[in-house]
Protein backbone atom coordinates (compact mmCIF):
# COMPACT_ATOMS: atom_id res chain seq x y z
CA UNK A 1 0.00 0.00 0.00
CA UNK A 2 1.57 3.27 -1.10
CA UNK A 3 1.58 6.40 1.03
CA UNK A 4 -0.33 9.40 -0.33
CA UNK A 5 1.21 12.03 1.99
CA UNK A 6 3.94 14.14 0.47
CA UNK A 7 6.16 15.94 2.95
CA UNK A 8 6.73 19.63 2.17
CA UNK A 9 10.32 20.65 1.54
CA UNK A 10 12.32 21.92 4.51
CA UNK A 11 13.12 25.58 4.07
CA UNK A 12 16.10 27.01 5.91
CA UNK A 13 15.34 30.22 7.80
CA UNK A 14 17.80 32.83 8.89
CA UNK A 15 18.41 32.86 12.62
CA UNK A 16 16.64 35.67 14.46
CA UNK A 17 18.78 38.66 15.32
CA UNK A 18 20.40 38.42 18.74
CA UNK A 19 20.77 42.21 18.96
CA UNK A 20 17.02 42.63 18.40
CA UNK A 21 16.31 40.07 21.13
CA UNK A 22 18.58 41.89 23.58
CA UNK A 23 16.94 45.26 22.90
CA UNK A 24 13.46 43.73 23.09
CA UNK A 25 14.37 42.28 26.51
CA UNK A 26 15.77 45.63 27.70
CA UNK A 27 12.66 47.51 26.60
CA UNK A 28 10.24 45.06 28.19
CA UNK A 29 12.21 44.92 31.46
CA UNK A 30 12.48 48.71 31.51
CA UNK A 31 8.73 49.04 31.10
CA UNK A 32 8.10 46.49 33.85
CA UNK A 33 10.54 48.25 36.18
CA UNK A 34 8.91 51.61 35.45
CA UNK A 35 5.49 50.12 36.16
CA UNK A 36 6.75 48.64 39.44
CA UNK A 37 8.25 51.96 40.57
CA UNK A 38 5.04 53.80 39.67
CA UNK A 39 2.98 51.24 41.60
CA UNK A 40 5.20 51.56 44.66
CA UNK A 41 5.01 55.38 44.49
CA UNK A 42 1.21 55.23 44.15
CA UNK A 43 0.88 52.90 47.17
CA UNK A 44 3.23 55.11 49.20
CA UNK A 45 1.14 58.15 48.24
CA UNK A 46 -2.05 56.38 49.34
CA UNK A 47 -0.47 55.36 52.67
CA UNK A 48 0.93 58.83 53.36
CA UNK A 49 -2.25 60.74 52.53
CA UNK A 50 -4.81 58.29 53.93
CA UNK A 51 -6.79 59.52 56.91
CA UNK A 52 -5.47 63.05 56.56
CA UNK A 53 -8.32 65.44 55.74
CA UNK A 54 -6.17 68.58 55.87
CA UNK A 55 -4.27 67.61 52.73
CA UNK A 56 -0.86 67.95 54.35
CA UNK A 57 1.66 65.17 54.71
CA UNK A 58 2.51 65.60 58.40
CA UNK A 59 -0.29 63.35 59.67
CA UNK A 60 0.35 60.81 56.96
CA UNK A 61 4.07 60.77 57.69
CA UNK A 62 3.24 60.21 61.36
CA UNK A 63 0.96 57.31 60.42
CA UNK A 64 3.71 55.76 58.31
CA UNK A 65 6.16 56.16 61.21
CA UNK A 66 3.70 54.47 63.57
CA UNK A 67 3.13 51.66 61.04
CA UNK A 68 6.88 51.12 60.54
CA UNK A 69 7.41 51.13 64.31
CA UNK A 70 4.61 48.58 64.64
CA UNK A 71 6.35 46.35 62.08
CA UNK A 72 9.46 46.14 64.25
PDB file of N, CA and C in Angstrom:
ATOM      1  N   UNK A   1       0.847  -1.177   0.000  1.00  0.00           N
ATOM      2  CA  UNK A   1       0.000   0.000   0.000  1.00  0.00           C
ATOM      3  C   UNK A   1       0.893   1.242   0.000  1.00  0.00           C
ATOM      4  N   UNK A   2       0.729   2.087  -0.952  1.00  0.00           N
ATOM      5  CA  UNK A   2       1.573   3.273  -1.103  1.00  0.00           C
ATOM      6  C   UNK A   2       1.034   4.403  -0.221  1.00  0.00           C
ATOM      7  N   UNK A   3       1.969   5.244   0.221  1.00  0.00           N
ATOM      8  CA  UNK A   3       1.581   6.395   1.033  1.00  0.00           C
ATOM      9  C   UNK A   3       1.197   7.552   0.129  1.00  0.00           C
ATOM     10  N   UNK A   4       0.126   8.275   0.487  1.00  0.00           N
ATOM     11  CA  UNK A   4      -0.332   9.402  -0.330  1.00  0.00           C
ATOM     12  C   UNK A   4       0.223  10.737   0.173  1.00  0.00           C
ATOM     13  N   UNK A   5       0.740  10.773   1.404  1.00  0.00           N
ATOM     14  CA  UNK A   5       1.214  12.034   1.988  1.00  0.00           C
ATOM     15  C   UNK A   5       2.575  12.393   1.398  1.00  0.00           C
ATOM     16  N   UNK A   6       2.674  13.641   0.973  1.00  0.00           N
ATOM     17  CA  UNK A   6       3.944  14.143   0.466  1.00  0.00           C
ATOM     18  C   UNK A   6       4.423  15.214   1.429  1.00  0.00           C
ATOM     19  N   UNK A   7       5.607  15.000   1.985  1.00  0.00           N
ATOM     20  CA  UNK A   7       6.160  15.945   2.952  1.00  0.00           C
ATOM     21  C   UNK A   7       6.636  17.210   2.238  1.00  0.00           C
ATOM     22  N   UNK A   8       6.267  18.402   2.799  1.00  0.00           N
ATOM     23  CA  UNK A   8       6.730  19.631   2.167  1.00  0.00           C
ATOM     24  C   UNK A   8       8.245  19.775   2.324  1.00  0.00           C
ATOM     25  N   UNK A   9       8.866  20.496   1.438  1.00  0.00           N
ATOM     26  CA  UNK A   9      10.319  20.654   1.540  1.00  0.00           C
ATOM     27  C   UNK A   9      10.695  21.494   2.765  1.00  0.00           C
ATOM     28  N   UNK A  10      11.821  21.182   3.360  1.00  0.00           N
ATOM     29  CA  UNK A  10      12.321  21.924   4.511  1.00  0.00           C
ATOM     30  C   UNK A  10      13.016  23.177   3.990  1.00  0.00           C
ATOM     31  N   UNK A  11      12.574  24.312   4.507  1.00  0.00           N
ATOM     32  CA  UNK A  11      13.123  25.582   4.073  1.00  0.00           C
ATOM     33  C   UNK A  11      13.982  26.144   5.203  1.00  0.00           C
ATOM     34  N   UNK A  12      15.202  26.450   4.906  1.00  0.00           N
ATOM     35  CA  UNK A  12      16.104  27.010   5.906  1.00  0.00           C
ATOM     36  C   UNK A  12      15.737  28.468   6.155  1.00  0.00           C
ATOM     37  N   UNK A  13      15.633  28.835   7.418  1.00  0.00           N
ATOM     38  CA  UNK A  13      15.344  30.215   7.797  1.00  0.00           C
ATOM     39  C   UNK A  13      16.564  30.830   8.449  1.00  0.00           C
ATOM     40  N   UNK A  14      16.700  32.112   8.257  1.00  0.00           N
ATOM     41  CA  UNK A  14      17.802  32.829   8.890  1.00  0.00           C
ATOM     42  C   UNK A  14      17.526  32.930  10.384  1.00  0.00           C
ATOM     43  N   UNK A  15      18.556  32.769  11.171  1.00  0.00           N
ATOM     44  CA  UNK A  15      18.411  32.855  12.623  1.00  0.00           C
ATOM     45  C   UNK A  15      17.960  34.259  13.014  1.00  0.00           C
ATOM     46  N   UNK A  16      17.073  34.350  14.019  1.00  0.00           N
ATOM     47  CA  UNK A  16      16.645  35.671  14.465  1.00  0.00           C
ATOM     48  C   UNK A  16      17.820  36.484  15.012  1.00  0.00           C
ATOM     49  N   UNK A  17      17.703  37.772  14.897  1.00  0.00           N
ATOM     50  CA  UNK A  17      18.777  38.660  15.322  1.00  0.00           C
ATOM     51  C   UNK A  17      18.929  38.649  16.841  1.00  0.00           C
ATOM     52  N   UNK A  18      20.142  38.420  17.311  1.00  0.00           N
ATOM     53  CA  UNK A  18      20.395  38.417  18.744  1.00  0.00           C
ATOM     54  C   UNK A  18      20.358  39.844  19.300  1.00  0.00           C
ATOM     55  N   UNK A  19      20.812  40.809  18.506  1.00  0.00           N
ATOM     56  CA  UNK A  19      20.766  42.205  18.958  1.00  0.00           C
ATOM     57  C   UNK A  19      19.322  42.663  19.166  1.00  0.00           C
ATOM     58  N   UNK A  20      18.435  42.268  18.264  1.00  0.00           N
ATOM     59  CA  UNK A  20      17.020  42.632  18.402  1.00  0.00           C
ATOM     60  C   UNK A  20      16.427  41.996  19.655  1.00  0.00           C
ATOM     61  N   UNK A  21      16.809  40.749  19.933  1.00  0.00           N
ATOM     62  CA  UNK A  21      16.307  40.069  21.126  1.00  0.00           C
ATOM     63  C   UNK A  21      16.795  40.763  22.398  1.00  0.00           C
ATOM     64  N   UNK A  22      18.033  41.194  22.403  1.00  0.00           N
ATOM     65  CA  UNK A  22      18.584  41.892  23.578  1.00  0.00           C
ATOM     66  C   UNK A  22      17.851  43.206  23.801  1.00  0.00           C
ATOM     67  N   UNK A  23      17.634  43.983  22.746  1.00  0.00           N
ATOM     68  CA  UNK A  23      16.938  45.258  22.900  1.00  0.00           C
ATOM     69  C   UNK A  23      15.475  45.059  23.270  1.00  0.00           C
ATOM     70  N   UNK A  24      14.847  44.021  22.729  1.00  0.00           N
ATOM     71  CA  UNK A  24      13.460  43.728  23.092  1.00  0.00           C
ATOM     72  C   UNK A  24      13.376  43.396  24.581  1.00  0.00           C
ATOM     73  N   UNK A  25      14.329  42.605  25.089  1.00  0.00           N
ATOM     74  CA  UNK A  25      14.372  42.279  26.511  1.00  0.00           C
ATOM     75  C   UNK A  25      14.575  43.537  27.355  1.00  0.00           C
ATOM     76  N   UNK A  26      15.504  44.395  26.942  1.00  0.00           N
ATOM     77  CA  UNK A  26      15.770  45.630  27.697  1.00  0.00           C
ATOM     78  C   UNK A  26      14.544  46.526  27.753  1.00  0.00           C
ATOM     79  N   UNK A  27      13.845  46.647  26.640  1.00  0.00           N
ATOM     80  CA  UNK A  27      12.663  47.514  26.598  1.00  0.00           C
ATOM     81  C   UNK A  27      11.557  46.953  27.485  1.00  0.00           C
ATOM     82  N   UNK A  28      11.307  45.657  27.382  1.00  0.00           N
ATOM     83  CA  UNK A  28      10.244  45.055  28.194  1.00  0.00           C
ATOM     84  C   UNK A  28      10.584  45.136  29.677  1.00  0.00           C
ATOM     85  N   UNK A  29      11.815  44.844  30.052  1.00  0.00           N
ATOM     86  CA  UNK A  29      12.205  44.922  31.463  1.00  0.00           C
ATOM     87  C   UNK A  29      12.179  46.364  31.969  1.00  0.00           C
ATOM     88  N   UNK A  30      12.562  47.312  31.118  1.00  0.00           N
ATOM     89  CA  UNK A  30      12.484  48.713  31.506  1.00  0.00           C
ATOM     90  C   UNK A  30      11.048  49.153  31.757  1.00  0.00           C
ATOM     91  N   UNK A  31      10.138  48.708  30.897  1.00  0.00           N
ATOM     92  CA  UNK A  31       8.725  49.044  31.099  1.00  0.00           C
ATOM     93  C   UNK A  31       8.179  48.402  32.374  1.00  0.00           C
ATOM     94  N   UNK A  32       8.555  47.157  32.628  1.00  0.00           N
ATOM     95  CA  UNK A  32       8.098  46.494  33.848  1.00  0.00           C
ATOM     96  C   UNK A  32       8.665  47.169  35.093  1.00  0.00           C
ATOM     97  N   UNK A  33       9.930  47.563  35.043  1.00  0.00           N
ATOM     98  CA  UNK A  33      10.542  48.251  36.177  1.00  0.00           C
ATOM     99  C   UNK A  33       9.881  49.603  36.413  1.00  0.00           C
ATOM    100  N   UNK A  34       9.592  50.321  35.329  1.00  0.00           N
ATOM    101  CA  UNK A  34       8.907  51.611  35.448  1.00  0.00           C
ATOM    102  C   UNK A  34       7.518  51.428  36.050  1.00  0.00           C
ATOM    103  N   UNK A  35       6.816  50.403  35.619  1.00  0.00           N
ATOM    104  CA  UNK A  35       5.493  50.115  36.163  1.00  0.00           C
ATOM    105  C   UNK A  35       5.580  49.773  37.644  1.00  0.00           C
ATOM    106  N   UNK A  36       6.577  48.999  38.039  1.00  0.00           N
ATOM    107  CA  UNK A  36       6.753  48.641  39.440  1.00  0.00           C
ATOM    108  C   UNK A  36       7.049  49.863  40.299  1.00  0.00           C
ATOM    109  N   UNK A  37       7.918  50.741  39.826  1.00  0.00           N
ATOM    110  CA  UNK A  37       8.250  51.959  40.572  1.00  0.00           C
ATOM    111  C   UNK A  37       7.020  52.860  40.695  1.00  0.00           C
ATOM    112  N   UNK A  38       6.253  52.981  39.625  1.00  0.00           N
ATOM    113  CA  UNK A  38       5.039  53.798  39.668  1.00  0.00           C
ATOM    114  C   UNK A  38       4.025  53.206  40.646  1.00  0.00           C
ATOM    115  N   UNK A  39       3.896  51.890  40.668  1.00  0.00           N
ATOM    116  CA  UNK A  39       2.976  51.238  41.595  1.00  0.00           C
ATOM    117  C   UNK A  39       3.405  51.452  43.043  1.00  0.00           C
ATOM    118  N   UNK A  40       4.690  51.333  43.306  1.00  0.00           N
ATOM    119  CA  UNK A  40       5.198  51.561  44.664  1.00  0.00           C
ATOM    120  C   UNK A  40       4.976  53.014  45.076  1.00  0.00           C
ATOM    121  N   UNK A  41       5.226  53.962  44.172  1.00  0.00           N
ATOM    122  CA  UNK A  41       5.008  55.376  44.488  1.00  0.00           C
ATOM    123  C   UNK A  41       3.540  55.646  44.747  1.00  0.00           C
ATOM    124  N   UNK A  42       2.655  55.027  43.961  1.00  0.00           N
ATOM    125  CA  UNK A  42       1.214  55.226  44.152  1.00  0.00           C
ATOM    126  C   UNK A  42       0.754  54.673  45.507  1.00  0.00           C
ATOM    127  N   UNK A  43       1.237  53.483  45.871  1.00  0.00           N
ATOM    128  CA  UNK A  43       0.878  52.899  47.165  1.00  0.00           C
ATOM    129  C   UNK A  43       1.428  53.748  48.306  1.00  0.00           C
ATOM    130  N   UNK A  44       2.650  54.240  48.170  1.00  0.00           N
ATOM    131  CA  UNK A  44       3.225  55.112  49.201  1.00  0.00           C
ATOM    132  C   UNK A  44       2.407  56.391  49.331  1.00  0.00           C
ATOM    133  N   UNK A  45       1.972  56.942  48.215  1.00  0.00           N
ATOM    134  CA  UNK A  45       1.143  58.148  48.244  1.00  0.00           C
ATOM    135  C   UNK A  45      -0.179  57.875  48.961  1.00  0.00           C
ATOM    136  N   UNK A  46      -0.789  56.744  48.686  1.00  0.00           N
ATOM    137  CA  UNK A  46      -2.050  56.381  49.342  1.00  0.00           C
ATOM    138  C   UNK A  46      -1.835  56.225  50.841  1.00  0.00           C
ATOM    139  N   UNK A  47      -0.748  55.567  51.241  1.00  0.00           N
ATOM    140  CA  UNK A  47      -0.473  55.360  52.667  1.00  0.00           C
ATOM    141  C   UNK A  47      -0.212  56.690  53.365  1.00  0.00           C
ATOM    142  N   UNK A  48       0.561  57.556  52.738  1.00  0.00           N
ATOM    143  CA  UNK A  48       0.926  58.825  53.364  1.00  0.00           C
ATOM    144  C   UNK A  48      -0.272  59.747  53.500  1.00  0.00           C
ATOM    145  N   UNK A  49      -1.138  59.789  52.497  1.00  0.00           N
ATOM    146  CA  UNK A  49      -2.250  60.745  52.532  1.00  0.00           C
ATOM    147  C   UNK A  49      -3.538  60.156  53.093  1.00  0.00           C
ATOM    148  N   UNK A  50      -3.567  58.879  53.435  1.00  0.00           N
ATOM    149  CA  UNK A  50      -4.815  58.293  53.932  1.00  0.00           C
ATOM    150  C   UNK A  50      -5.102  58.787  55.351  1.00  0.00           C
ATOM    151  N   UNK A  51      -6.362  59.090  55.582  1.00  0.00           N
ATOM    152  CA  UNK A  51      -6.787  59.519  56.906  1.00  0.00           C
ATOM    153  C   UNK A  51      -6.393  60.934  57.249  1.00  0.00           C
ATOM    154  N   UNK A  52      -5.895  61.684  56.296  1.00  0.00           N
ATOM    155  CA  UNK A  52      -5.467  63.048  56.558  1.00  0.00           C
ATOM    156  C   UNK A  52      -6.363  63.989  55.755  1.00  0.00           C
ATOM    157  N   UNK A  53      -7.356  64.589  56.427  1.00  0.00           N
ATOM    158  CA  UNK A  53      -8.320  65.441  55.738  1.00  0.00           C
ATOM    159  C   UNK A  53      -7.781  66.831  55.432  1.00  0.00           C
ATOM    160  N   UNK A  54      -6.692  67.234  56.085  1.00  0.00           N
ATOM    161  CA  UNK A  54      -6.172  68.579  55.870  1.00  0.00           C
ATOM    162  C   UNK A  54      -5.396  68.686  54.567  1.00  0.00           C
ATOM    163  N   UNK A  55      -5.004  67.584  53.989  1.00  0.00           N
ATOM    164  CA  UNK A  55      -4.271  67.613  52.731  1.00  0.00           C
ATOM    165  C   UNK A  55      -2.772  67.689  52.911  1.00  0.00           C
ATOM    166  N   UNK A  56      -2.290  67.905  54.103  1.00  0.00           N
ATOM    167  CA  UNK A  56      -0.856  67.954  54.354  1.00  0.00           C
ATOM    168  C   UNK A  56      -0.273  66.557  54.471  1.00  0.00           C
ATOM    169  N   UNK A  57       1.035  66.489  54.601  1.00  0.00           N
ATOM    170  CA  UNK A  57       1.664  65.173  54.708  1.00  0.00           C
ATOM    171  C   UNK A  57       2.153  64.881  56.116  1.00  0.00           C
ATOM    172  N   UNK A  58       1.967  65.814  57.055  1.00  0.00           N
ATOM    173  CA  UNK A  58       2.507  65.603  58.397  1.00  0.00           C
ATOM    174  C   UNK A  58       1.793  64.445  59.080  1.00  0.00           C
ATOM    175  N   UNK A  59       0.464  64.432  59.037  1.00  0.00           N
ATOM    176  CA  UNK A  59      -0.286  63.350  59.673  1.00  0.00           C
ATOM    177  C   UNK A  59      -0.006  62.025  59.012  1.00  0.00           C
ATOM    178  N   UNK A  60       0.067  62.041  57.685  1.00  0.00           N
ATOM    179  CA  UNK A  60       0.346  60.807  56.960  1.00  0.00           C
ATOM    180  C   UNK A  60       1.734  60.288  57.268  1.00  0.00           C
ATOM    181  N   UNK A  61       2.715  61.185  57.363  1.00  0.00           N
ATOM    182  CA  UNK A  61       4.070  60.770  57.689  1.00  0.00           C
ATOM    183  C   UNK A  61       4.103  60.171  59.094  1.00  0.00           C
ATOM    184  N   UNK A  62       3.313  60.758  60.008  1.00  0.00           N
ATOM    185  CA  UNK A  62       3.240  60.207  61.358  1.00  0.00           C
ATOM    186  C   UNK A  62       2.634  58.805  61.333  1.00  0.00           C
ATOM    187  N   UNK A  63       1.589  58.622  60.520  1.00  0.00           N
ATOM    188  CA  UNK A  63       0.962  57.309  60.423  1.00  0.00           C
ATOM    189  C   UNK A  63       1.945  56.273  59.866  1.00  0.00           C
ATOM    190  N   UNK A  64       2.724  56.675  58.871  1.00  0.00           N
ATOM    191  CA  UNK A  64       3.712  55.756  58.308  1.00  0.00           C
ATOM    192  C   UNK A  64       4.753  55.418  59.358  1.00  0.00           C
ATOM    193  N   UNK A  65       5.180  56.412  60.152  1.00  0.00           N
ATOM    194  CA  UNK A  65       6.164  56.162  61.212  1.00  0.00           C
ATOM    195  C   UNK A  65       5.584  55.188  62.236  1.00  0.00           C
ATOM    196  N   UNK A  66       4.329  55.372  62.609  1.00  0.00           N
ATOM    197  CA  UNK A  66       3.701  54.467  63.571  1.00  0.00           C
ATOM    198  C   UNK A  66       3.606  53.065  62.970  1.00  0.00           C
ATOM    199  N   UNK A  67       3.251  52.965  61.702  1.00  0.00           N
ATOM    200  CA  UNK A  67       3.134  51.664  61.043  1.00  0.00           C
ATOM    201  C   UNK A  67       4.490  50.960  60.980  1.00  0.00           C
ATOM    202  N   UNK A  68       5.535  51.716  60.619  1.00  0.00           N
ATOM    203  CA  UNK A  68       6.880  51.124  60.536  1.00  0.00           C
ATOM    204  C   UNK A  68       7.347  50.697  61.920  1.00  0.00           C
ATOM    205  N   UNK A  69       7.041  51.508  62.946  1.00  0.00           N
ATOM    206  CA  UNK A  69       7.407  51.133  64.315  1.00  0.00           C
ATOM    207  C   UNK A  69       6.658  49.871  64.725  1.00  0.00           C
ATOM    208  N   UNK A  70       5.402  49.761  64.309  1.00  0.00           N
ATOM    209  CA  UNK A  70       4.609  48.579  64.637  1.00  0.00           C
ATOM    210  C   UNK A  70       5.189  47.335  63.980  1.00  0.00           C
ATOM    211  N   UNK A  71       5.780  47.488  62.782  1.00  0.00           N
ATOM    212  CA  UNK A  71       6.354  46.348  62.075  1.00  0.00           C
ATOM    213  C   UNK A  71       7.577  45.783  62.792  1.00  0.00           C
ATOM    214  N   UNK A  72       8.260  46.616  63.553  1.00  0.00           N
ATOM    215  CA  UNK A  72       9.459  46.142  64.247  1.00  0.00           C
ATOM    216  C   UNK A  72       9.049  45.203  65.292  1.00  0.00           C
TER     217      UNK A  72
END
